[in-house]
N, C-alpha and C. Protein backbone atom coordinates (compact mmCIF):
# COMPACT_ATOMS: atom_id res chain seq x y z
N MET A 1 104.90 63.62 90.66
CA MET A 1 105.05 63.85 92.08
C MET A 1 106.48 64.32 92.41
N ASN A 2 107.49 63.65 91.76
CA ASN A 2 108.88 64.05 92.02
C ASN A 2 109.14 65.49 91.62
N SER A 3 108.56 65.96 90.51
CA SER A 3 108.80 67.32 90.08
C SER A 3 108.16 68.33 91.07
N VAL A 4 107.03 67.96 91.66
CA VAL A 4 106.42 68.83 92.66
C VAL A 4 107.30 68.86 93.93
N ARG A 5 107.77 67.71 94.36
CA ARG A 5 108.64 67.66 95.54
C ARG A 5 109.92 68.45 95.26
N CYS A 6 110.50 68.29 94.10
CA CYS A 6 111.73 69.03 93.76
C CYS A 6 111.45 70.52 93.75
N GLY A 7 110.33 70.94 93.18
CA GLY A 7 109.95 72.36 93.21
C GLY A 7 109.80 72.92 94.55
N LEU A 8 109.16 72.15 95.46
CA LEU A 8 108.98 72.57 96.88
C LEU A 8 110.30 72.68 97.59
N MET A 9 111.23 71.70 97.30
CA MET A 9 112.54 71.78 97.89
C MET A 9 113.31 72.97 97.45
N MET A 10 113.21 73.33 96.16
CA MET A 10 113.91 74.49 95.64
C MET A 10 113.28 75.76 96.25
N LEU A 11 111.99 75.82 96.40
CA LEU A 11 111.33 76.99 97.01
C LEU A 11 111.80 77.10 98.45
N GLY A 12 111.85 76.00 99.16
CA GLY A 12 112.33 75.98 100.57
C GLY A 12 113.75 76.50 100.66
N ALA A 13 114.61 76.07 99.73
CA ALA A 13 116.02 76.52 99.78
C ALA A 13 116.06 78.05 99.49
N LEU A 14 115.23 78.51 98.59
CA LEU A 14 115.16 79.93 98.31
C LEU A 14 114.72 80.74 99.53
N VAL A 15 113.69 80.29 100.21
CA VAL A 15 113.19 80.95 101.40
C VAL A 15 114.24 80.93 102.47
N LEU A 16 114.93 79.80 102.65
CA LEU A 16 115.99 79.73 103.68
C LEU A 16 117.14 80.64 103.34
N GLY A 17 117.41 80.78 102.04
CA GLY A 17 118.46 81.69 101.60
C GLY A 17 118.13 83.12 101.91
N LEU A 18 116.88 83.51 101.91
CA LEU A 18 116.46 84.85 102.19
C LEU A 18 116.36 85.14 103.71
N ALA A 19 116.21 84.16 104.51
CA ALA A 19 115.99 84.36 105.94
C ALA A 19 117.08 85.13 106.61
N PRO A 20 118.37 84.86 106.38
CA PRO A 20 119.40 85.64 107.11
C PRO A 20 119.36 87.12 106.87
N SER A 21 119.05 87.57 105.67
CA SER A 21 118.99 89.01 105.41
C SER A 21 117.81 89.63 106.15
N VAL A 22 116.70 88.92 106.27
CA VAL A 22 115.56 89.45 107.01
C VAL A 22 115.91 89.50 108.46
N ALA A 23 116.52 88.46 109.02
CA ALA A 23 116.84 88.38 110.44
C ALA A 23 118.00 89.34 110.80
N ALA A 24 118.77 89.74 109.80
CA ALA A 24 119.95 90.60 110.02
C ALA A 24 119.51 92.06 110.21
N ASP A 25 118.26 92.42 110.10
CA ASP A 25 117.81 93.81 110.23
C ASP A 25 118.02 94.19 111.70
N ASP A 26 118.90 95.17 111.89
CA ASP A 26 119.25 95.61 113.23
C ASP A 26 118.47 96.83 113.65
N SER A 27 117.30 97.03 113.19
CA SER A 27 116.47 98.18 113.56
C SER A 27 115.93 98.00 114.95
N PHE A 28 115.67 99.14 115.61
CA PHE A 28 115.04 99.15 116.94
C PHE A 28 113.73 99.97 116.75
N PHE A 29 112.64 99.35 117.09
CA PHE A 29 111.32 100.01 116.98
C PHE A 29 110.76 100.26 118.36
N THR A 30 110.20 101.41 118.55
CA THR A 30 109.51 101.71 119.81
C THR A 30 108.26 102.54 119.54
N HIS A 31 107.28 102.36 120.37
CA HIS A 31 106.02 103.14 120.33
C HIS A 31 106.00 104.01 121.51
N LEU A 32 105.98 105.33 121.34
CA LEU A 32 105.98 106.28 122.45
C LEU A 32 104.60 106.93 122.48
N HIS A 33 104.11 107.22 123.68
CA HIS A 33 102.79 107.86 123.74
C HIS A 33 102.62 108.67 125.04
N THR A 34 101.83 109.64 124.94
CA THR A 34 101.37 110.44 126.09
C THR A 34 99.83 110.50 125.97
N ASP A 35 99.22 111.32 126.78
CA ASP A 35 97.78 111.46 126.66
C ASP A 35 97.37 112.42 125.56
N ARG A 36 98.39 112.99 124.84
CA ARG A 36 98.12 113.95 123.73
C ARG A 36 98.67 113.58 122.38
N ALA A 37 99.65 112.65 122.34
CA ALA A 37 100.24 112.30 121.06
C ALA A 37 100.92 110.92 121.18
N MET A 38 101.13 110.32 120.02
CA MET A 38 101.82 109.00 119.96
C MET A 38 102.81 109.09 118.77
N ALA A 39 103.85 108.28 118.89
CA ALA A 39 104.88 108.22 117.83
C ALA A 39 105.39 106.81 117.68
N ASN A 40 105.48 106.35 116.45
CA ASN A 40 106.12 105.10 116.10
C ASN A 40 107.52 105.48 115.57
N VAL A 41 108.56 105.01 116.26
CA VAL A 41 109.92 105.42 115.94
C VAL A 41 110.76 104.20 115.63
N THR A 42 111.51 104.27 114.53
CA THR A 42 112.45 103.18 114.17
C THR A 42 113.83 103.83 114.08
N VAL A 43 114.79 103.21 114.79
CA VAL A 43 116.20 103.62 114.70
C VAL A 43 116.91 102.51 113.93
N SER A 44 117.56 102.89 112.83
CA SER A 44 118.13 101.88 111.95
C SER A 44 119.50 102.30 111.43
N PRO A 45 120.52 101.50 111.61
CA PRO A 45 120.57 100.29 112.40
C PRO A 45 120.69 100.69 113.90
N ALA A 46 120.38 99.82 114.78
CA ALA A 46 120.44 100.10 116.22
C ALA A 46 121.84 99.75 116.71
N ARG A 47 122.85 100.32 116.09
CA ARG A 47 124.24 100.12 116.41
C ARG A 47 124.92 101.46 116.56
N LYS A 48 126.03 101.52 117.31
CA LYS A 48 126.76 102.74 117.42
C LYS A 48 127.25 103.13 116.00
N GLY A 49 127.34 104.44 115.78
CA GLY A 49 127.73 104.94 114.49
C GLY A 49 126.56 105.68 113.89
N PRO A 50 126.58 105.91 112.57
CA PRO A 50 125.48 106.60 111.90
C PRO A 50 124.20 105.83 111.95
N VAL A 51 123.10 106.48 112.34
CA VAL A 51 121.80 105.88 112.35
C VAL A 51 120.77 106.82 111.72
N GLU A 52 119.68 106.23 111.24
CA GLU A 52 118.56 106.96 110.70
C GLU A 52 117.37 106.75 111.60
N ILE A 53 116.63 107.81 111.84
CA ILE A 53 115.45 107.73 112.70
C ILE A 53 114.24 108.11 111.86
N THR A 54 113.26 107.20 111.76
CA THR A 54 112.02 107.49 111.10
C THR A 54 110.92 107.58 112.18
N ILE A 55 110.08 108.58 111.99
CA ILE A 55 109.05 108.86 113.00
C ILE A 55 107.69 109.01 112.31
N GLN A 56 106.71 108.33 112.84
CA GLN A 56 105.34 108.49 112.37
C GLN A 56 104.51 108.94 113.56
N LEU A 57 103.87 110.12 113.40
CA LEU A 57 103.11 110.69 114.51
C LEU A 57 101.61 110.41 114.37
N GLU A 58 100.98 110.21 115.52
CA GLU A 58 99.56 109.93 115.53
C GLU A 58 98.90 110.63 116.71
N THR A 59 97.62 110.95 116.56
CA THR A 59 96.82 111.42 117.67
C THR A 59 96.52 110.24 118.57
N VAL A 60 95.96 110.49 119.72
CA VAL A 60 95.63 109.38 120.59
C VAL A 60 94.47 108.55 120.04
N GLU A 61 93.80 109.11 119.04
CA GLU A 61 92.75 108.38 118.32
C GLU A 61 93.31 107.57 117.15
N GLU A 62 94.65 107.49 117.06
CA GLU A 62 95.38 106.78 116.01
C GLU A 62 95.13 107.34 114.63
N LYS A 63 94.99 108.67 114.54
CA LYS A 63 94.86 109.37 113.26
C LYS A 63 96.18 110.14 113.04
N PRO A 64 96.52 110.40 111.79
CA PRO A 64 97.78 111.13 111.50
C PRO A 64 97.81 112.47 112.23
N LEU A 65 98.97 112.74 112.85
CA LEU A 65 99.15 114.00 113.58
C LEU A 65 100.07 114.87 112.76
N ALA A 66 99.58 116.02 112.27
CA ALA A 66 100.34 116.95 111.47
C ALA A 66 100.96 117.97 112.42
N ALA A 67 102.23 117.81 112.73
CA ALA A 67 102.95 118.72 113.62
C ALA A 67 103.66 119.78 112.81
N LYS A 68 104.03 120.87 113.50
CA LYS A 68 104.78 121.93 112.83
C LYS A 68 106.29 121.58 112.81
N ALA A 69 106.77 120.88 113.83
CA ALA A 69 108.17 120.52 113.89
C ALA A 69 108.36 119.34 114.89
N VAL A 70 109.46 118.64 114.70
CA VAL A 70 109.83 117.55 115.57
C VAL A 70 111.35 117.62 115.82
N SER A 71 111.78 117.55 117.04
CA SER A 71 113.22 117.42 117.35
C SER A 71 113.46 116.13 118.13
N VAL A 72 114.64 115.60 117.93
CA VAL A 72 115.04 114.31 118.50
C VAL A 72 116.29 114.55 119.42
N THR A 73 116.24 113.92 120.59
CA THR A 73 117.40 113.95 121.48
C THR A 73 117.79 112.53 121.90
N PHE A 74 119.06 112.38 122.21
CA PHE A 74 119.56 111.12 122.75
C PHE A 74 120.40 111.44 123.99
N THR A 75 120.08 110.77 125.12
CA THR A 75 120.88 110.89 126.29
C THR A 75 121.24 109.51 126.77
N ASN A 76 122.44 109.37 127.38
CA ASN A 76 122.86 108.12 127.89
C ASN A 76 122.91 108.25 129.42
N PRO A 77 121.93 107.67 130.10
CA PRO A 77 121.80 107.86 131.56
C PRO A 77 123.06 107.39 132.33
N ARG A 78 123.73 106.39 131.82
CA ARG A 78 124.90 105.84 132.52
C ARG A 78 126.10 106.77 132.39
N SER A 79 126.41 107.21 131.18
CA SER A 79 127.59 108.09 131.01
C SER A 79 127.25 109.58 131.11
N LYS A 80 125.98 109.90 131.16
CA LYS A 80 125.49 111.30 131.19
C LYS A 80 125.75 112.01 129.86
N ALA A 81 126.11 111.27 128.81
CA ALA A 81 126.30 111.88 127.52
C ALA A 81 124.98 112.36 126.97
N ARG A 82 124.98 113.48 126.31
CA ARG A 82 123.77 114.05 125.71
C ARG A 82 124.14 114.62 124.35
N LEU A 83 123.49 114.14 123.32
CA LEU A 83 123.75 114.67 121.99
C LEU A 83 122.92 115.93 121.77
N GLU A 84 123.42 116.81 120.96
CA GLU A 84 122.68 118.00 120.63
C GLU A 84 121.37 117.60 119.91
N ALA A 85 120.28 118.37 120.25
CA ALA A 85 119.00 118.11 119.64
C ALA A 85 119.12 118.17 118.13
N ILE A 86 118.39 117.27 117.41
CA ILE A 86 118.38 117.19 115.99
C ILE A 86 116.97 117.58 115.52
N ASP A 87 116.91 118.51 114.60
CA ASP A 87 115.64 118.88 113.97
C ASP A 87 115.31 117.86 112.89
N ALA A 88 114.16 117.16 113.08
CA ALA A 88 113.77 116.17 112.08
C ALA A 88 113.22 116.89 110.84
N GLU A 89 113.31 116.18 109.72
CA GLU A 89 112.84 116.69 108.44
C GLU A 89 111.52 116.09 108.10
N ARG A 90 110.56 116.91 107.67
CA ARG A 90 109.23 116.39 107.31
C ARG A 90 109.32 115.57 106.06
N ARG A 91 108.70 114.38 106.10
CA ARG A 91 108.65 113.46 104.94
C ARG A 91 107.23 113.14 104.54
N GLY A 92 106.27 113.86 105.03
CA GLY A 92 104.87 113.60 104.77
C GLY A 92 104.03 114.30 105.82
N GLU A 93 102.75 114.17 105.75
CA GLU A 93 101.88 114.83 106.70
C GLU A 93 102.22 114.47 108.16
N ASP A 94 102.49 113.18 108.37
CA ASP A 94 102.74 112.71 109.74
C ASP A 94 104.05 111.97 109.89
N ARG A 95 104.93 112.08 108.89
CA ARG A 95 106.18 111.37 108.87
C ARG A 95 107.38 112.28 108.91
N TRP A 96 108.39 111.88 109.71
CA TRP A 96 109.59 112.68 109.89
C TRP A 96 110.81 111.81 109.84
N PHE A 97 111.95 112.44 109.52
CA PHE A 97 113.23 111.72 109.38
C PHE A 97 114.37 112.53 109.99
N ALA A 98 115.30 111.85 110.62
CA ALA A 98 116.48 112.46 111.18
C ALA A 98 117.63 111.49 111.07
N SER A 99 118.85 111.98 111.09
CA SER A 99 120.01 111.11 111.15
C SER A 99 121.00 111.70 112.12
N VAL A 100 121.76 110.78 112.78
CA VAL A 100 122.71 111.17 113.81
C VAL A 100 123.81 110.11 113.91
N LYS A 101 124.91 110.45 114.49
CA LYS A 101 125.93 109.45 114.79
C LYS A 101 125.95 109.20 116.28
N LEU A 102 125.58 107.95 116.65
CA LEU A 102 125.61 107.61 118.08
C LEU A 102 127.00 107.12 118.46
N PRO A 103 127.62 107.74 119.48
CA PRO A 103 129.03 107.44 119.79
C PRO A 103 129.30 106.16 120.51
N ALA A 104 128.28 105.54 121.12
CA ALA A 104 128.60 104.35 121.93
C ALA A 104 127.35 103.42 121.98
N ALA A 105 127.66 102.16 122.24
CA ALA A 105 126.57 101.18 122.46
C ALA A 105 126.05 101.38 123.90
N GLY A 106 124.92 100.75 124.15
CA GLY A 106 124.34 100.79 125.50
C GLY A 106 122.91 101.26 125.50
N ARG A 107 122.42 101.53 126.72
CA ARG A 107 121.05 102.02 126.85
C ARG A 107 121.06 103.53 126.66
N TRP A 108 120.16 104.03 125.86
CA TRP A 108 120.04 105.43 125.63
C TRP A 108 118.57 105.81 125.85
N THR A 109 118.33 107.06 126.10
CA THR A 109 116.96 107.60 126.18
C THR A 109 116.74 108.41 124.90
N LEU A 110 115.73 108.00 124.15
CA LEU A 110 115.34 108.72 122.91
C LEU A 110 114.25 109.67 123.35
N GLY A 111 114.39 110.93 123.03
CA GLY A 111 113.37 111.92 123.33
C GLY A 111 112.88 112.61 122.09
N LEU A 112 111.61 112.89 122.06
CA LEU A 112 111.01 113.69 120.98
C LEU A 112 110.34 114.90 121.58
N VAL A 113 110.51 116.08 120.92
CA VAL A 113 109.70 117.24 121.24
C VAL A 113 108.91 117.50 119.99
N ILE A 114 107.60 117.38 120.08
CA ILE A 114 106.66 117.54 118.96
C ILE A 114 106.01 118.90 119.13
N THR A 115 106.25 119.80 118.15
CA THR A 115 105.62 121.09 118.17
C THR A 115 104.34 120.99 117.33
N ILE A 116 103.25 121.02 118.02
CA ILE A 116 101.90 120.94 117.36
C ILE A 116 101.51 122.31 116.86
N SER A 117 101.71 123.32 117.69
CA SER A 117 101.49 124.74 117.28
C SER A 117 102.49 125.56 118.08
N ASP A 118 102.51 126.84 117.80
CA ASP A 118 103.47 127.71 118.49
C ASP A 118 103.32 127.66 119.99
N ALA A 119 102.11 127.43 120.47
CA ALA A 119 101.83 127.37 121.90
C ALA A 119 101.67 125.99 122.47
N ASP A 120 101.81 124.97 121.64
CA ASP A 120 101.56 123.59 122.07
C ASP A 120 102.68 122.65 121.68
N LYS A 121 103.44 122.21 122.70
CA LYS A 121 104.55 121.25 122.47
C LYS A 121 104.31 120.04 123.37
N VAL A 122 104.69 118.85 122.85
CA VAL A 122 104.55 117.62 123.59
C VAL A 122 105.95 116.96 123.65
N GLY A 123 106.37 116.58 124.83
CA GLY A 123 107.65 115.82 124.97
C GLY A 123 107.36 114.37 125.33
N ILE A 124 108.12 113.46 124.66
CA ILE A 124 107.95 112.04 124.89
C ILE A 124 109.35 111.43 124.96
N GLU A 125 109.58 110.49 125.88
CA GLU A 125 110.82 109.81 125.97
C GLU A 125 110.62 108.30 126.14
N ALA A 126 111.62 107.53 125.70
CA ALA A 126 111.61 106.09 125.90
C ALA A 126 113.03 105.55 125.85
N PRO A 127 113.28 104.51 126.63
CA PRO A 127 114.63 103.89 126.59
C PRO A 127 114.76 103.06 125.29
N ILE A 128 115.99 103.08 124.75
CA ILE A 128 116.28 102.20 123.55
C ILE A 128 117.63 101.56 123.83
N VAL A 129 117.90 100.45 123.10
CA VAL A 129 119.16 99.75 123.27
C VAL A 129 119.93 99.88 121.93
N ILE A 130 121.18 100.33 122.02
CA ILE A 130 122.06 100.44 120.87
C ILE A 130 123.18 99.39 121.05
N LYS A 131 123.41 98.62 120.00
CA LYS A 131 124.47 97.55 120.09
C LYS A 131 125.80 98.10 119.77
């Protein structure tokens, strides 16, 4: 019985030792949607400075959306700062990636322009918080 209790205590210590690194993930996740497209977006880390943006596109039926292009914008409503649009890089049928340097903490508006075809574009925006 003591060896079982000792093993459980060691396992608990191991789990507790891993918890801070899991909790230290500073990513910001948001789900954006319109009546024509949806996007799951993660900004990592959600701090000023260099960030990576991963995007997964879906149809409104929650099926992969294969777009021709995706661009990302960031605007700061308070300071009126607007970063130049970033062309995301395709990483799969429905997955995209971009990186940018965010100059300041605060509330930003993340915008996506999804080019489905030459004649069909969808714009989506959502507020995000950068630390």
